[in-house]
């Protein structure tokens, strides 16, 4: 995993901005997707990639129908499209999530 550059709040079913997150202040590394136009198999494009340590319950909404949201900082909200586990080396055992920026909270 790359060196953390942000802290995320994870919401499985909560209303963003008003409820307590399911997990708060998760160290993570987020970067923009430089592969513009990259698509997952169901047609949605992702515009950010997040790396996060194991053990925080990050998942995608596959088979559940409930969108999983991440809030980074006070106003950036992302939907989790797809999560994969990177375990090429024991020292690099982490989750990688592909995200879509949903909106920003009003200030």
Protein backbone atom coordinates (compact mmCIF):
# COMPACT_ATOMS: atom_id res chain seq x y z
CA UNK A 1 0.00 0.00 0.00
CA UNK A 2 1.20 3.50 -0.72
CA UNK A 3 1.80 5.89 2.16
CA UNK A 4 -1.56 7.19 3.47
CA UNK A 5 -2.44 10.69 2.26
CA UNK A 6 -6.00 10.97 3.63
CA UNK A 7 -8.42 9.71 6.27
CA UNK A 8 -11.80 8.29 5.27
CA UNK A 9 -15.13 7.77 7.01
CA UNK A 10 -16.98 4.66 5.86
CA UNK A 11 -20.78 4.58 5.59
CA UNK A 12 -22.54 1.31 4.77
CA UNK A 13 -26.13 2.55 5.09
CA UNK A 14 -25.95 5.87 6.96
CA UNK A 15 -26.99 9.23 5.57
CA UNK A 16 -23.85 11.16 4.74
CA UNK A 17 -23.17 14.30 6.68
CA UNK A 18 -25.74 13.66 9.39
CA UNK A 19 -25.19 10.19 10.88
CA UNK A 20 -22.14 8.72 12.50
CA UNK A 21 -19.99 6.69 10.12
CA UNK A 22 -19.78 2.92 10.51
CA UNK A 23 -15.98 3.30 10.70
CA UNK A 24 -14.22 6.66 11.15
CA UNK A 25 -10.74 8.02 10.40
CA UNK A 26 -9.40 5.15 8.32
CA UNK A 27 -5.89 5.88 6.99
CA UNK A 28 -5.89 5.49 3.21
CA UNK A 29 -4.24 6.55 -0.01
CA UNK A 30 -6.43 8.11 -2.70
CA UNK A 31 -5.38 9.07 -6.20
CA UNK A 32 -7.15 10.20 -9.32
CA UNK A 33 -7.65 7.70 -12.08
CA UNK A 34 -5.31 8.54 -14.89
CA UNK A 35 -7.00 5.96 -17.08
CA UNK A 36 -9.89 8.18 -18.13
CA UNK A 37 -12.54 6.13 -19.75
CA UNK A 38 -11.59 2.99 -17.84
CA UNK A 39 -14.78 1.10 -17.14
CA UNK A 40 -15.88 -1.75 -14.99
CA UNK A 41 -17.90 -4.48 -16.63
CA UNK A 42 -21.27 -2.92 -15.80
CA UNK A 43 -20.53 0.33 -17.58
CA UNK A 44 -19.83 2.87 -14.83
CA UNK A 45 -16.60 4.78 -15.04
CA UNK A 46 -14.44 5.25 -11.99
CA UNK A 47 -12.48 8.43 -11.37
CA UNK A 48 -10.48 7.62 -8.23
CA UNK A 49 -8.58 4.69 -6.77
CA UNK A 50 -8.33 4.15 -3.01
CA UNK A 51 -5.92 1.90 -1.12
CA UNK A 52 -6.84 0.92 2.43
CA UNK A 53 -5.51 -1.56 5.02
CA UNK A 54 -7.47 -4.74 5.68
CA UNK A 55 -9.88 -4.98 8.60
CA UNK A 56 -12.13 -1.94 8.20
CA UNK A 57 -15.04 -3.61 6.41
CA UNK A 58 -14.68 -1.89 3.06
CA UNK A 59 -16.87 -3.62 0.48
CA UNK A 60 -18.70 -2.84 -2.70
CA UNK A 61 -22.47 -3.07 -3.16
CA UNK A 62 -22.41 -6.26 -5.22
CA UNK A 63 -25.46 -8.42 -4.46
CA UNK A 64 -26.62 -6.15 -1.65
CA UNK A 65 -28.10 -3.18 -3.48
CA UNK A 66 -26.95 -0.79 -0.76
CA UNK A 67 -24.41 1.71 -2.06
CA UNK A 68 -21.32 1.98 0.10
CA UNK A 69 -20.05 5.54 0.55
CA UNK A 70 -16.77 7.04 1.67
CA UNK A 71 -16.38 10.57 2.92
CA UNK A 72 -12.90 12.01 2.60
CA UNK A 73 -12.37 15.25 4.43
CA UNK A 74 -15.27 17.51 5.24
CA UNK A 75 -16.95 17.54 1.82
CA UNK A 76 -15.83 14.88 -0.68
CA UNK A 77 -18.17 11.91 -1.12
CA UNK A 78 -17.39 8.81 -3.17
CA UNK A 79 -19.38 5.70 -4.03
CA UNK A 80 -17.50 2.40 -3.98
CA UNK A 81 -17.91 0.57 -7.28
CA UNK A 82 -15.54 -2.36 -6.91
CA UNK A 83 -13.09 -3.66 -4.29
CA UNK A 84 -10.17 -6.02 -4.86
CA UNK A 85 -7.53 -7.40 -2.53
CA UNK A 86 -3.88 -6.93 -3.44
CA UNK A 87 -1.79 -9.69 -1.93
CA UNK A 88 1.15 -10.06 -4.27
CA UNK A 89 3.52 -9.83 -1.31
CA UNK A 90 2.78 -10.26 2.37
CA UNK A 91 3.92 -6.69 2.98
CA UNK A 92 1.47 -5.41 0.35
CA UNK A 93 -1.69 -7.09 1.62
CA UNK A 94 -4.36 -4.37 1.34
CA UNK A 95 -7.63 -3.44 -0.38
CA UNK A 96 -7.90 -1.38 -3.55
CA UNK A 97 -11.26 0.25 -4.30
CA UNK A 98 -12.43 1.93 -7.47
CA UNK A 99 -14.56 4.99 -6.71
CA UNK A 100 -16.90 7.47 -8.36
CA UNK A 101 -17.13 10.97 -6.95
CA UNK A 102 -20.78 11.43 -6.09
CA UNK A 103 -20.99 15.00 -4.86
CA UNK A 104 -19.76 17.50 -2.36
CA UNK A 105 -21.62 18.44 0.78
CA UNK A 106 -22.93 22.02 0.87
CA UNK A 107 -20.78 24.38 2.90
